[in-house]
Amino acid sequence: MANTVTQPAVGGIVVRASGPSPVRQAAAQLAPLAQVTGQDSTPYTSPWVQVPPGSFLDVRLCITNKVGNFVARVETCNQCNLVGGVNVNVDAPRVVGIFPQVAGPILPAAPNVQSLRGVPLADNYIRVVATPGQGAGQTCDWSVTGKAIAAAYAQTA
């Protein structure tokens, strides 16, 4: 089945400790921010989803099957209007990061995970733009997951 899209899921803000340090984070889970199974040579743009303004995007691209080329980036904008049940950006989107391109095929048994590279500070909305190669036999299964960190602070004694 080609181009099977999973709709974005953005959780509410949760405050939790991050690792062994006394730092706590207020973050919204992005699980997934975007996901397509069997993407062929058709480019894909996910819907705009709202995140806390000024969030730091701690997201990863996981490719579990790939033949051909694949490039993905995350964009942000300040304002969207709801048109026919879909968020449509008012201001021009800007790229906040790109996932490194991976050469060669990726087998389902050996997934490839890449962190977002760039300055991943979001405005009010974010989306993923995925551009596959145009060659014959192009296919890719991928997902972008992680969190939008709205605040981080140290615990007091």
Protein backbone atom coordinates (compact mmCIF):
# COMPACT_ATOMS: atom_id res chain seq x y z
CA MET A 1 0.00 0.00 0.00
CA ALA A 2 1.62 3.28 -1.10
CA ASN A 3 1.51 6.65 0.65
CA THR A 4 -0.31 5.59 3.83
CA VAL A 5 -0.32 8.69 6.04
CA THR A 6 -0.64 8.73 9.84
CA GLN A 7 -2.16 11.96 11.11
CA PRO A 8 -0.05 14.09 13.48
CA ALA A 9 -0.50 13.62 17.23
CA VAL A 10 0.54 16.41 19.59
CA GLY A 11 0.16 15.73 23.30
CA GLY A 12 -0.52 18.28 26.00
CA ILE A 13 2.28 19.91 27.98
CA VAL A 14 3.80 17.51 30.53
CA VAL A 15 6.41 18.50 33.12
CA ARG A 16 8.98 15.82 33.91
CA ALA A 17 12.61 15.40 34.89
CA SER A 18 15.08 14.91 32.04
CA GLY A 19 17.73 12.39 32.94
CA PRO A 20 19.77 12.26 36.16
CA SER A 21 20.21 16.05 36.43
CA PRO A 22 17.85 18.25 38.46
CA VAL A 23 16.56 19.87 35.25
CA ARG A 24 12.86 19.56 34.50
CA GLN A 25 11.17 20.12 31.14
CA ALA A 26 7.71 21.21 30.11
CA ALA A 27 7.20 19.52 26.76
CA ALA A 28 4.52 18.40 24.31
CA GLN A 29 5.02 14.93 22.82
CA LEU A 30 5.00 14.70 19.02
CA ALA A 31 4.16 11.06 18.39
CA PRO A 32 4.18 11.25 15.46
CA LEU A 33 4.65 14.74 14.07
CA ALA A 34 4.50 13.10 10.61
CA GLN A 35 4.56 9.54 9.28
CA VAL A 36 4.17 7.90 5.86
CA THR A 37 4.38 4.23 4.97
CA GLY A 38 5.25 3.32 1.40
CA GLN A 39 5.94 6.86 0.20
CA ASP A 40 6.57 6.68 -3.53
CA SER A 41 7.93 9.55 -5.64
CA THR A 42 5.06 11.84 -4.58
CA PRO A 43 6.23 14.67 -2.28
CA TYR A 44 4.39 14.93 1.08
CA THR A 45 3.62 17.94 3.27
CA SER A 46 2.10 17.22 6.68
CA PRO A 47 -0.66 19.37 8.15
CA TRP A 48 0.31 22.38 10.25
CA VAL A 49 0.12 21.54 13.97
CA GLN A 50 0.16 24.04 16.81
CA VAL A 51 2.98 23.89 19.36
CA PRO A 52 3.87 26.20 22.25
CA PRO A 53 5.49 29.33 20.72
CA GLY A 54 9.26 29.42 21.08
CA SER A 55 9.48 25.65 21.62
CA PHE A 56 12.76 23.84 21.03
CA LEU A 57 12.10 20.89 18.70
CA ASP A 58 13.80 17.71 19.89
CA VAL A 59 12.72 15.47 16.99
CA ARG A 60 14.13 12.54 15.07
CA LEU A 61 13.49 11.01 11.67
CA CYS A 62 13.33 7.21 11.67
CA ILE A 63 13.54 5.51 8.28
CA THR A 64 12.68 1.82 8.38
CA ASN A 65 12.64 1.02 4.68
CA LYS A 66 14.09 3.03 1.78
CA VAL A 67 14.91 2.53 -1.86
CA GLY A 68 16.06 5.64 -3.72
CA ASN A 69 16.50 9.12 -2.26
CA PHE A 70 14.67 10.90 0.54
CA VAL A 71 15.03 14.35 2.12
CA ALA A 72 12.87 15.83 4.91
CA ARG A 73 12.75 19.19 6.65
CA VAL A 74 10.69 20.88 9.36
CA GLU A 75 9.08 24.27 8.74
CA THR A 76 7.42 26.75 11.09
CA CYS A 77 5.12 29.76 10.79
CA ASN A 78 3.51 32.26 13.16
CA GLN A 79 -0.10 32.25 12.07
CA CYS A 80 -2.57 29.85 10.47
CA ASN A 81 -6.23 30.25 9.62
CA LEU A 82 -8.61 27.31 9.72
CA VAL A 83 -9.99 26.87 6.19
CA GLY A 84 -12.32 23.93 5.59
CA GLY A 85 -11.02 22.20 8.72
CA VAL A 86 -7.36 22.55 7.66
CA ASN A 87 -4.74 24.98 9.03
CA VAL A 88 -3.45 27.23 6.24
CA ASN A 89 -0.40 29.38 6.92
CA VAL A 90 -0.86 33.17 6.72
CA ASP A 91 2.82 34.14 6.90
CA ALA A 92 5.61 32.57 4.85
CA PRO A 93 6.99 29.34 6.34
CA ARG A 94 10.63 29.20 7.38
CA VAL A 95 12.82 26.12 7.60
CA VAL A 96 13.98 25.36 11.16
CA GLY A 97 15.95 22.24 10.34
CA ILE A 98 16.77 19.50 7.88
CA PHE A 99 17.39 15.82 8.46
CA PRO A 100 20.66 14.55 6.93
CA GLN A 101 20.22 12.65 3.68
CA VAL A 102 21.14 8.96 3.93
CA ALA A 103 22.78 7.29 0.93
CA GLY A 104 21.86 3.82 -0.27
CA PRO A 105 19.00 1.51 0.62
CA ILE A 106 17.77 1.03 4.18
CA LEU A 107 16.45 -2.39 5.09
CA PRO A 108 13.44 -2.83 7.42
CA ALA A 109 15.60 -4.80 9.89
CA ALA A 110 18.16 -1.97 10.19
CA PRO A 111 16.34 1.38 10.67
CA ASN A 112 18.21 4.65 10.35
CA VAL A 113 17.56 7.41 12.90
CA GLN A 114 18.62 11.02 12.31
CA SER A 115 18.27 14.07 14.57
CA LEU A 116 17.09 17.41 13.20
CA ARG A 117 19.94 19.74 12.22
CA GLY A 118 19.50 23.48 12.24
CA VAL A 119 18.10 26.02 14.68
CA PRO A 120 14.98 24.13 15.76
CA LEU A 121 13.07 26.94 17.49
CA ALA A 122 9.42 26.89 16.49
CA ASP A 123 6.97 29.71 16.08
CA ASN A 124 3.30 28.75 16.71
CA TYR A 125 2.89 26.02 14.06
CA ILE A 126 5.13 23.33 12.54
CA ARG A 127 4.95 20.84 9.67
CA VAL A 128 7.17 18.30 7.89
CA VAL A 129 7.95 18.44 4.17
CA ALA A 130 9.27 15.17 2.70
CA THR A 131 10.74 15.06 -0.79
CA PRO A 132 11.50 11.63 -2.23
CA GLY A 133 13.56 10.81 -5.27
CA GLN A 134 11.89 10.59 -8.66
CA GLY A 135 13.48 7.33 -9.86
CA ALA A 136 11.68 4.10 -10.63
CA GLY A 137 11.06 1.92 -7.57
CA GLN A 138 11.29 4.84 -5.10
CA THR A 139 9.83 3.87 -1.72
CA CYS A 140 10.30 4.95 1.88
CA ASP A 141 8.72 4.21 5.27
CA TRP A 142 9.45 6.97 7.75
CA SER A 143 8.25 8.84 10.84
CA VAL A 144 9.21 12.01 12.69
CA THR A 145 8.69 11.82 16.47
CA GLY A 146 10.00 13.58 19.56
CA LYS A 147 8.92 16.55 21.62
CA ALA A 148 8.48 20.31 21.56
CA ILE A 149 10.20 21.58 24.71
CA ALA A 150 8.31 24.64 25.91
CA ALA A 151 10.47 25.32 28.99
CA ALA A 152 13.32 23.85 30.98
CA TYR A 153 14.16 24.83 34.53
CA ALA A 154 16.21 23.58 37.46
CA GLN A 155 14.54 22.18 40.55
CA THR A 156 15.09 24.12 43.75
CA ALA A 157 16.09 22.48 47.01
